[in-house]
């Protein structure tokens, strides 16, 4: 009998660019203080979960979110992969007012 896998998908809440209504696409923007605090709360909530692997895009907002969440899971390798990035919206890089 196989054991079903559990998959957790976590995404940063929003960046300053999001708040300024900028569609970021694959721009490598930074997390703000709210994002970092929310990642810390997520880390607390997932502290007792047993993880086998952790994957993230290679954008710094994904990396920082994962680093914060997996601070309690130091034996887990954080694997960055460019193919995990959100579908490119670089052609839509714009500001909405």
PDB file of N, CA and C in Angstrom:
ATOM      1  N   UNK A   1       0.848  -1.181   0.000  1.00  0.00           N
ATOM      2  CA  UNK A   1       0.000   0.000   0.000  1.00  0.00           C
ATOM      3  C   UNK A   1       0.894   1.245   0.000  1.00  0.00           C
ATOM      4  N   UNK A   2       0.556   2.193  -0.842  1.00  0.00           N
ATOM      5  CA  UNK A   2       1.330   3.429  -0.889  1.00  0.00           C
ATOM      6  C   UNK A   2       0.739   4.459   0.060  1.00  0.00           C
ATOM      7  N   UNK A   3       1.598   5.298   0.562  1.00  0.00           N
ATOM      8  CA  UNK A   3       1.172   6.375   1.431  1.00  0.00           C
ATOM      9  C   UNK A   3       0.966   7.620   0.580  1.00  0.00           C
ATOM     10  N   UNK A   4      -0.181   8.253   0.689  1.00  0.00           N
ATOM     11  CA  UNK A   4      -0.401   9.448  -0.122  1.00  0.00           C
ATOM     12  C   UNK A   4       0.551  10.576   0.304  1.00  0.00           C
ATOM     13  N   UNK A   5       1.001  11.330  -0.659  1.00  0.00           N
ATOM     14  CA  UNK A   5       1.882  12.459  -0.380  1.00  0.00           C
ATOM     15  C   UNK A   5       1.037  13.688  -0.052  1.00  0.00           C
ATOM     16  N   UNK A   6       1.543  14.490   0.839  1.00  0.00           N
ATOM     17  CA  UNK A   6       0.916  15.780   1.127  1.00  0.00           C
ATOM     18  C   UNK A   6       1.796  16.855   0.503  1.00  0.00           C
ATOM     19  N   UNK A   7       1.172  17.779  -0.182  1.00  0.00           N
ATOM     20  CA  UNK A   7       1.904  18.860  -0.829  1.00  0.00           C
ATOM     21  C   UNK A   7       1.415  20.181  -0.235  1.00  0.00           C
ATOM     22  N   UNK A   8       2.350  20.992   0.208  1.00  0.00           N
ATOM     23  CA  UNK A   8       2.041  22.309   0.736  1.00  0.00           C
ATOM     24  C   UNK A   8       2.528  23.337  -0.286  1.00  0.00           C
ATOM     25  N   UNK A   9       1.652  24.226  -0.690  1.00  0.00           N
ATOM     26  CA  UNK A   9       2.026  25.293  -1.611  1.00  0.00           C
ATOM     27  C   UNK A   9       1.890  26.602  -0.842  1.00  0.00           C
ATOM     28  N   UNK A  10       2.996  27.335  -0.777  1.00  0.00           N
ATOM     29  CA  UNK A  10       3.011  28.598  -0.050  1.00  0.00           C
ATOM     30  C   UNK A  10       3.493  29.683  -0.998  1.00  0.00           C
ATOM     31  N   UNK A  11       2.833  30.796  -0.947  1.00  0.00           N
ATOM     32  CA  UNK A  11       3.212  31.934  -1.788  1.00  0.00           C
ATOM     33  C   UNK A  11       3.287  33.167  -0.905  1.00  0.00           C
ATOM     34  N   UNK A  12       4.213  34.045  -1.223  1.00  0.00           N
ATOM     35  CA  UNK A  12       4.288  35.297  -0.475  1.00  0.00           C
ATOM     36  C   UNK A  12       2.983  36.058  -0.669  1.00  0.00           C
ATOM     37  N   UNK A  13       2.622  36.855   0.309  1.00  0.00           N
ATOM     38  CA  UNK A  13       1.340  37.568   0.258  1.00  0.00           C
ATOM     39  C   UNK A  13       1.370  38.671  -0.785  1.00  0.00           C
ATOM     40  N   UNK A  14       2.199  39.648  -0.554  1.00  0.00           N
ATOM     41  CA  UNK A  14       2.341  40.707  -1.549  1.00  0.00           C
ATOM     42  C   UNK A  14       3.628  41.473  -1.274  1.00  0.00           C
ATOM     43  N   UNK A  15       4.138  42.069  -2.295  1.00  0.00           N
ATOM     44  CA  UNK A  15       5.344  42.885  -2.179  1.00  0.00           C
ATOM     45  C   UNK A  15       4.934  44.344  -2.314  1.00  0.00           C
ATOM     46  N   UNK A  16       5.875  45.226  -2.126  1.00  0.00           N
ATOM     47  CA  UNK A  16       5.558  46.649  -2.333  1.00  0.00           C
ATOM     48  C   UNK A  16       5.121  46.895  -3.772  1.00  0.00           C
ATOM     49  N   UNK A  17       5.707  46.156  -4.710  1.00  0.00           N
ATOM     50  CA  UNK A  17       5.293  46.295  -6.115  1.00  0.00           C
ATOM     51  C   UNK A  17       3.828  45.908  -6.285  1.00  0.00           C
ATOM     52  N   UNK A  18       3.411  44.815  -5.626  1.00  0.00           N
ATOM     53  CA  UNK A  18       2.001  44.425  -5.682  1.00  0.00           C
ATOM     54  C   UNK A  18       1.108  45.544  -5.149  1.00  0.00           C
ATOM     55  N   UNK A  19       1.515  46.084  -4.016  1.00  0.00           N
ATOM     56  CA  UNK A  19       0.710  47.142  -3.396  1.00  0.00           C
ATOM     57  C   UNK A  19       0.638  48.385  -4.275  1.00  0.00           C
ATOM     58  N   UNK A  20       1.666  48.603  -5.082  1.00  0.00           N
ATOM     59  CA  UNK A  20       1.675  49.733  -6.007  1.00  0.00           C
ATOM     60  C   UNK A  20       1.046  49.374  -7.351  1.00  0.00           C
ATOM     61  N   UNK A  21       0.390  48.215  -7.374  1.00  0.00           N
ATOM     62  CA  UNK A  21      -0.354  47.734  -8.539  1.00  0.00           C
ATOM     63  C   UNK A  21       0.544  47.499  -9.747  1.00  0.00           C
ATOM     64  N   UNK A  22       1.766  47.048  -9.485  1.00  0.00           N
ATOM     65  CA  UNK A  22       2.694  46.706 -10.557  1.00  0.00           C
ATOM     66  C   UNK A  22       2.662  45.198 -10.738  1.00  0.00           C
ATOM     67  N   UNK A  23       2.345  44.752 -11.934  1.00  0.00           N
ATOM     68  CA  UNK A  23       2.409  43.329 -12.238  1.00  0.00           C
ATOM     69  C   UNK A  23       3.882  43.004 -12.453  1.00  0.00           C
ATOM     70  N   UNK A  24       4.441  42.173 -11.582  1.00  0.00           N
ATOM     71  CA  UNK A  24       5.877  41.935 -11.567  1.00  0.00           C
ATOM     72  C   UNK A  24       6.349  40.907 -12.566  1.00  0.00           C
ATOM     73  N   UNK A  25       5.503  39.960 -12.888  1.00  0.00           N
ATOM     74  CA  UNK A  25       5.966  38.885 -13.757  1.00  0.00           C
ATOM     75  C   UNK A  25       7.165  38.196 -13.137  1.00  0.00           C
ATOM     76  N   UNK A  26       8.272  38.206 -13.830  1.00  0.00           N
ATOM     77  CA  UNK A  26       9.459  37.532 -13.325  1.00  0.00           C
ATOM     78  C   UNK A  26      10.526  38.508 -12.837  1.00  0.00           C
ATOM     79  N   UNK A  27      10.127  39.752 -12.565  1.00  0.00           N
ATOM     80  CA  UNK A  27      11.060  40.693 -11.950  1.00  0.00           C
ATOM     81  C   UNK A  27      11.443  40.158 -10.572  1.00  0.00           C
ATOM     82  N   UNK A  28      12.680  40.322 -10.201  1.00  0.00           N
ATOM     83  CA  UNK A  28      13.165  39.778  -8.934  1.00  0.00           C
ATOM     84  C   UNK A  28      13.033  40.823  -7.834  1.00  0.00           C
ATOM     85  N   UNK A  29      11.804  41.076  -7.406  1.00  0.00           N
ATOM     86  CA  UNK A  29      11.540  42.081  -6.382  1.00  0.00           C
ATOM     87  C   UNK A  29      11.704  41.500  -4.986  1.00  0.00           C
ATOM     88  N   UNK A  30      11.846  42.381  -4.020  1.00  0.00           N
ATOM     89  CA  UNK A  30      12.077  41.963  -2.643  1.00  0.00           C
ATOM     90  C   UNK A  30      10.781  41.881  -1.859  1.00  0.00           C
ATOM     91  N   UNK A  31      10.821  41.094  -0.788  1.00  0.00           N
ATOM     92  CA  UNK A  31       9.702  41.036   0.141  1.00  0.00           C
ATOM     93  C   UNK A  31       9.741  42.267   1.035  1.00  0.00           C
ATOM     94  N   UNK A  32       8.578  42.664   1.528  1.00  0.00           N
ATOM     95  CA  UNK A  32       8.545  43.761   2.492  1.00  0.00           C
ATOM     96  C   UNK A  32       8.415  43.189   3.910  1.00  0.00           C
ATOM     97  N   UNK A  33       8.357  44.045   4.895  1.00  0.00           N
ATOM     98  CA  UNK A  33       8.305  43.608   6.296  1.00  0.00           C
ATOM     99  C   UNK A  33       7.060  42.754   6.574  1.00  0.00           C
ATOM    100  N   UNK A  34       5.951  43.097   5.954  1.00  0.00           N
ATOM    101  CA  UNK A  34       4.719  42.313   6.136  1.00  0.00           C
ATOM    102  C   UNK A  34       4.906  40.898   5.602  1.00  0.00           C
ATOM    103  N   UNK A  35       5.487  40.775   4.417  1.00  0.00           N
ATOM    104  CA  UNK A  35       5.751  39.450   3.834  1.00  0.00           C
ATOM    105  C   UNK A  35       6.624  38.607   4.753  1.00  0.00           C
ATOM    106  N   UNK A  36       7.688  39.214   5.274  1.00  0.00           N
ATOM    107  CA  UNK A  36       8.612  38.479   6.143  1.00  0.00           C
ATOM    108  C   UNK A  36       7.930  38.044   7.435  1.00  0.00           C
ATOM    109  N   UNK A  37       7.082  38.900   7.986  1.00  0.00           N
ATOM    110  CA  UNK A  37       6.333  38.542   9.198  1.00  0.00           C
ATOM    111  C   UNK A  37       5.352  37.407   8.911  1.00  0.00           C
ATOM    112  N   UNK A  38       4.698  37.453   7.754  1.00  0.00           N
ATOM    113  CA  UNK A  38       3.765  36.381   7.399  1.00  0.00           C
ATOM    114  C   UNK A  38       4.494  35.066   7.160  1.00  0.00           C
ATOM    115  N   UNK A  39       5.692  35.133   6.571  1.00  0.00           N
ATOM    116  CA  UNK A  39       6.493  33.918   6.389  1.00  0.00           C
ATOM    117  C   UNK A  39       6.879  33.341   7.747  1.00  0.00           C
ATOM    118  N   UNK A  40       7.186  34.204   8.701  1.00  0.00           N
ATOM    119  CA  UNK A  40       7.526  33.739  10.056  1.00  0.00           C
ATOM    120  C   UNK A  40       6.321  33.070  10.716  1.00  0.00           C
ATOM    121  N   UNK A  41       5.125  33.621  10.524  1.00  0.00           N
ATOM    122  CA  UNK A  41       3.913  32.999  11.068  1.00  0.00           C
ATOM    123  C   UNK A  41       3.652  31.645  10.405  1.00  0.00           C
ATOM    124  N   UNK A  42       3.902  31.569   9.104  1.00  0.00           N
ATOM    125  CA  UNK A  42       3.749  30.300   8.391  1.00  0.00           C
ATOM    126  C   UNK A  42       4.747  29.281   8.911  1.00  0.00           C
ATOM    127  N   UNK A  43       5.958  29.720   9.196  1.00  0.00           N
ATOM    128  CA  UNK A  43       6.986  28.831   9.762  1.00  0.00           C
ATOM    129  C   UNK A  43       6.512  28.242  11.090  1.00  0.00           C
ATOM    130  N   UNK A  44       5.937  29.070  11.927  1.00  0.00           N
ATOM    131  CA  UNK A  44       5.413  28.594  13.214  1.00  0.00           C
ATOM    132  C   UNK A  44       4.303  27.573  12.995  1.00  0.00           C
ATOM    133  N   UNK A  45       3.398  27.865  12.067  1.00  0.00           N
ATOM    134  CA  UNK A  45       2.267  26.971  11.812  1.00  0.00           C
ATOM    135  C   UNK A  45       2.711  25.623  11.243  1.00  0.00           C
ATOM    136  N   UNK A  46       3.803  25.610  10.485  1.00  0.00           N
ATOM    137  CA  UNK A  46       4.277  24.372   9.848  1.00  0.00           C
ATOM    138  C   UNK A  46       5.449  23.727  10.581  1.00  0.00           C
ATOM    139  N   UNK A  47       5.759  24.233  11.750  1.00  0.00           N
ATOM    140  CA  UNK A  47       6.920  23.758  12.498  1.00  0.00           C
ATOM    141  C   UNK A  47       6.883  22.253  12.766  1.00  0.00           C
ATOM    142  N   UNK A  48       5.720  21.703  13.038  1.00  0.00           N
ATOM    143  CA  UNK A  48       5.629  20.280  13.391  1.00  0.00           C
ATOM    144  C   UNK A  48       5.400  19.363  12.192  1.00  0.00           C
ATOM    145  N   UNK A  49       5.299  19.925  10.995  1.00  0.00           N
ATOM    146  CA  UNK A  49       5.100  19.122   9.788  1.00  0.00           C
ATOM    147  C   UNK A  49       6.429  18.493   9.383  1.00  0.00           C
ATOM    148  N   UNK A  50       6.384  17.244   8.984  1.00  0.00           N
ATOM    149  CA  UNK A  50       7.585  16.549   8.523  1.00  0.00           C
ATOM    150  C   UNK A  50       7.668  16.667   7.005  1.00  0.00           C
ATOM    151  N   UNK A  51       8.684  17.363   6.536  1.00  0.00           N
ATOM    152  CA  UNK A  51       8.858  17.582   5.106  1.00  0.00           C
ATOM    153  C   UNK A  51       9.930  16.661   4.552  1.00  0.00           C
ATOM    154  N   UNK A  52       9.740  16.218   3.311  1.00  0.00           N
ATOM    155  CA  UNK A  52      10.731  15.406   2.632  1.00  0.00           C
ATOM    156  C   UNK A  52      11.605  16.238   1.714  1.00  0.00           C
ATOM    157  N   UNK A  53      10.991  17.188   1.007  1.00  0.00           N
ATOM    158  CA  UNK A  53      11.708  18.037   0.064  1.00  0.00           C
ATOM    159  C   UNK A  53      11.038  19.400   0.026  1.00  0.00           C
ATOM    160  N   UNK A  54      11.815  20.395  -0.410  1.00  0.00           N
ATOM    161  CA  UNK A  54      11.272  21.747  -0.546  1.00  0.00           C
ATOM    162  C   UNK A  54      11.783  22.344  -1.853  1.00  0.00           C
ATOM    163  N   UNK A  55      10.867  22.789  -2.678  1.00  0.00           N
ATOM    164  CA  UNK A  55      11.203  23.377  -3.971  1.00  0.00           C
ATOM    165  C   UNK A  55      10.689  24.810  -4.017  1.00  0.00           C
ATOM    166  N   UNK A  56      11.422  25.657  -4.717  1.00  0.00           N
ATOM    167  CA  UNK A  56      11.008  27.049  -4.876  1.00  0.00           C
ATOM    168  C   UNK A  56      11.578  27.586  -6.164  1.00  0.00           C
ATOM    169  N   UNK A  57      11.029  28.691  -6.619  1.00  0.00           N
ATOM    170  CA  UNK A  57      11.620  29.351  -7.789  1.00  0.00           C
ATOM    171  C   UNK A  57      12.936  29.990  -7.358  1.00  0.00           C
ATOM    172  N   UNK A  58      13.689  30.475  -8.314  1.00  0.00           N
ATOM    173  CA  UNK A  58      14.964  31.092  -7.984  1.00  0.00           C
ATOM    174  C   UNK A  58      14.857  32.605  -7.783  1.00  0.00           C
ATOM    175  N   UNK A  59      13.654  33.125  -7.689  1.00  0.00           N
ATOM    176  CA  UNK A  59      13.477  34.535  -7.384  1.00  0.00           C
ATOM    177  C   UNK A  59      13.697  34.763  -5.895  1.00  0.00           C
ATOM    178  N   UNK A  60      14.270  35.910  -5.547  1.00  0.00           N
ATOM    179  CA  UNK A  60      14.620  36.136  -4.147  1.00  0.00           C
ATOM    180  C   UNK A  60      13.402  36.181  -3.227  1.00  0.00           C
ATOM    181  N   UNK A  61      12.249  36.609  -3.721  1.00  0.00           N
ATOM    182  CA  UNK A  61      11.073  36.620  -2.841  1.00  0.00           C
ATOM    183  C   UNK A  61      10.665  35.202  -2.471  1.00  0.00           C
ATOM    184  N   UNK A  62      10.832  34.258  -3.381  1.00  0.00           N
ATOM    185  CA  UNK A  62      10.548  32.852  -3.065  1.00  0.00           C
ATOM    186  C   UNK A  62      11.607  32.286  -2.134  1.00  0.00           C
ATOM    187  N   UNK A  63      12.856  32.613  -2.390  1.00  0.00           N
ATOM    188  CA  UNK A  63      13.953  32.125  -1.558  1.00  0.00           C
ATOM    189  C   UNK A  63      13.827  32.605  -0.126  1.00  0.00           C
ATOM    190  N   UNK A  64      13.559  33.884   0.049  1.00  0.00           N
ATOM    191  CA  UNK A  64      13.441  34.457   1.399  1.00  0.00           C
ATOM    192  C   UNK A  64      12.243  33.872   2.136  1.00  0.00           C
ATOM    193  N   UNK A  65      11.138  33.669   1.426  1.00  0.00           N
ATOM    194  CA  UNK A  65       9.967  33.047   2.053  1.00  0.00           C
ATOM    195  C   UNK A  65      10.313  31.638   2.518  1.00  0.00           C
ATOM    196  N   UNK A  66      10.944  30.853   1.661  1.00  0.00           N
ATOM    197  CA  UNK A  66      11.302  29.477   2.000  1.00  0.00           C
ATOM    198  C   UNK A  66      12.320  29.422   3.134  1.00  0.00           C
ATOM    199  N   UNK A  67      13.320  30.280   3.099  1.00  0.00           N
ATOM    200  CA  UNK A  67      14.317  30.294   4.169  1.00  0.00           C
ATOM    201  C   UNK A  67      13.663  30.545   5.516  1.00  0.00           C
ATOM    202  N   UNK A  68      12.728  31.463   5.547  1.00  0.00           N
ATOM    203  CA  UNK A  68      12.029  31.785   6.795  1.00  0.00           C
ATOM    204  C   UNK A  68      11.184  30.599   7.247  1.00  0.00           C
ATOM    205  N   UNK A  69      10.458  29.985   6.316  1.00  0.00           N
ATOM    206  CA  UNK A  69       9.567  28.873   6.668  1.00  0.00           C
ATOM    207  C   UNK A  69      10.352  27.648   7.116  1.00  0.00           C
ATOM    208  N   UNK A  70      11.468  27.365   6.457  1.00  0.00           N
ATOM    209  CA  UNK A  70      12.206  26.142   6.756  1.00  0.00           C
ATOM    210  C   UNK A  70      13.307  26.332   7.795  1.00  0.00           C
ATOM    211  N   UNK A  71      13.244  27.407   8.564  1.00  0.00           N
ATOM    212  CA  UNK A  71      14.219  27.610   9.630  1.00  0.00           C
ATOM    213  C   UNK A  71      14.125  26.518  10.690  1.00  0.00           C
ATOM    214  N   UNK A  72      12.977  25.876  10.824  1.00  0.00           N
ATOM    215  CA  UNK A  72      12.795  24.792  11.786  1.00  0.00           C
ATOM    216  C   UNK A  72      13.047  23.423  11.173  1.00  0.00           C
ATOM    217  N   UNK A  73      13.381  23.390   9.912  1.00  0.00           N
ATOM    218  CA  UNK A  73      13.597  22.138   9.173  1.00  0.00           C
ATOM    219  C   UNK A  73      14.985  22.182   8.533  1.00  0.00           C
ATOM    220  N   UNK A  74      15.993  22.256   9.352  1.00  0.00           N
ATOM    221  CA  UNK A  74      17.354  22.495   8.857  1.00  0.00           C
ATOM    222  C   UNK A  74      17.927  21.333   8.060  1.00  0.00           C
ATOM    223  N   UNK A  75      17.340  20.153   8.164  1.00  0.00           N
ATOM    224  CA  UNK A  75      17.854  19.016   7.401  1.00  0.00           C
ATOM    225  C   UNK A  75      17.292  18.963   5.977  1.00  0.00           C
ATOM    226  N   UNK A  76      16.328  19.823   5.678  1.00  0.00           N
ATOM    227  CA  UNK A  76      15.703  19.838   4.360  1.00  0.00           C
ATOM    228  C   UNK A  76      16.496  20.745   3.420  1.00  0.00           C
ATOM    229  N   UNK A  77      16.868  20.200   2.280  1.00  0.00           N
ATOM    230  CA  UNK A  77      17.542  20.997   1.261  1.00  0.00           C
ATOM    231  C   UNK A  77      16.508  21.851   0.545  1.00  0.00           C
ATOM    232  N   UNK A  78      16.793  23.127   0.413  1.00  0.00           N
ATOM    233  CA  UNK A  78      15.918  24.027  -0.324  1.00  0.00           C
ATOM    234  C   UNK A  78      16.384  24.048  -1.777  1.00  0.00           C
ATOM    235  N   UNK A  79      15.568  23.508  -2.653  1.00  0.00           N
ATOM    236  CA  UNK A  79      15.943  23.328  -4.054  1.00  0.00           C
ATOM    237  C   UNK A  79      15.326  24.434  -4.900  1.00  0.00           C
ATOM    238  N   UNK A  80      16.177  25.260  -5.493  1.00  0.00           N
ATOM    239  CA  UNK A  80      15.711  26.314  -6.382  1.00  0.00           C
ATOM    240  C   UNK A  80      15.633  25.794  -7.805  1.00  0.00           C
ATOM    241  N   UNK A  81      14.558  26.177  -8.493  1.00  0.00           N
ATOM    242  CA  UNK A  81      14.372  25.728  -9.867  1.00  0.00           C
ATOM    243  C   UNK A  81      13.699  26.843 -10.663  1.00  0.00           C
ATOM    244  N   UNK A  82      14.335  27.255 -11.731  1.00  0.00           N
ATOM    245  CA  UNK A  82      13.807  28.328 -12.571  1.00  0.00           C
ATOM    246  C   UNK A  82      12.444  27.952 -13.165  1.00  0.00           C
ATOM    247  N   UNK A  83      12.171  26.679 -13.334  1.00  0.00           N
ATOM    248  CA  UNK A  83      10.915  26.245 -13.948  1.00  0.00           C
ATOM    249  C   UNK A  83       9.724  26.337 -13.007  1.00  0.00           C
ATOM    250  N   UNK A  84       9.975  26.652 -11.746  1.00  0.00           N
ATOM    251  CA  UNK A  84       8.871  26.822 -10.803  1.00  0.00           C
ATOM    252  C   UNK A  84       8.344  28.255 -10.835  1.00  0.00           C
ATOM    253  N   UNK A  85       9.025  29.121 -11.536  1.00  0.00           N
ATOM    254  CA  UNK A  85       8.563  30.501 -11.628  1.00  0.00           C
ATOM    255  C   UNK A  85       7.157  30.567 -12.199  1.00  0.00           C
ATOM    256  N   UNK A  86       6.469  31.592 -11.802  1.00  0.00           N
ATOM    257  CA  UNK A  86       5.160  31.862 -12.362  1.00  0.00           C
ATOM    258  C   UNK A  86       5.296  32.060 -13.864  1.00  0.00           C
ATOM    259  N   UNK A  87       4.281  31.703 -14.590  1.00  0.00           N
ATOM    260  CA  UNK A  87       4.311  31.900 -16.039  1.00  0.00           C
ATOM    261  C   UNK A  87       4.684  33.342 -16.347  1.00  0.00           C
ATOM    262  N   UNK A  88       5.521  33.535 -17.303  1.00  0.00           N
ATOM    263  CA  UNK A  88       6.025  34.863 -17.623  1.00  0.00           C
ATOM    264  C   UNK A  88       4.900  35.827 -17.944  1.00  0.00           C
ATOM    265  N   UNK A  89       4.945  36.952 -17.277  1.00  0.00           N
ATOM    266  CA  UNK A  89       4.040  38.046 -17.622  1.00  0.00           C
ATOM    267  C   UNK A  89       4.867  39.280 -17.933  1.00  0.00           C
ATOM    268  N   UNK A  90       6.130  39.061 -18.299  1.00  0.00           N
ATOM    269  CA  UNK A  90       7.014  40.202 -18.544  1.00  0.00           C
ATOM    270  C   UNK A  90       6.471  41.094 -19.655  1.00  0.00           C
ATOM    271  N   UNK A  91       5.726  40.532 -20.568  1.00  0.00           N
ATOM    272  CA  UNK A  91       5.132  41.339 -21.621  1.00  0.00           C
ATOM    273  C   UNK A  91       4.046  42.247 -21.059  1.00  0.00           C
ATOM    274  N   UNK A  92       3.618  42.001 -19.827  1.00  0.00           N
ATOM    275  CA  UNK A  92       2.592  42.798 -19.200  1.00  0.00           C
ATOM    276  C   UNK A  92       3.140  43.707 -18.106  1.00  0.00           C
ATOM    277  N   UNK A  93       4.442  43.871 -18.059  1.00  0.00           N
ATOM    278  CA  UNK A  93       5.030  44.722 -17.017  1.00  0.00           C
ATOM    279  C   UNK A  93       4.449  46.121 -17.144  1.00  0.00           C
ATOM    280  N   UNK A  94       3.650  46.494 -16.189  1.00  0.00           N
ATOM    281  CA  UNK A  94       2.990  47.766 -16.262  1.00  0.00           C
ATOM    282  C   UNK A  94       2.516  48.185 -14.874  1.00  0.00           C
ATOM    283  N   UNK A  95       2.075  49.400 -14.760  1.00  0.00           N
ATOM    284  CA  UNK A  95       1.554  49.929 -13.504  1.00  0.00           C
ATOM    285  C   UNK A  95       0.097  50.294 -13.719  1.00  0.00           C
ATOM    286  N   UNK A  96      -0.754  49.854 -12.796  1.00  0.00           N
ATOM    287  CA  UNK A  96      -2.178  50.198 -12.852  1.00  0.00           C
ATOM    288  C   UNK A  96      -2.451  51.251 -11.801  1.00  0.00           C
ATOM    289  N   UNK A  97      -3.115  52.295 -12.168  1.00  0.00           N
ATOM    290  CA  UNK A  97      -3.446  53.372 -11.214  1.00  0.00           C
ATOM    291  C   UNK A  97      -4.939  53.514 -11.105  1.00  0.00           C
TER     292      UNK A  97
END
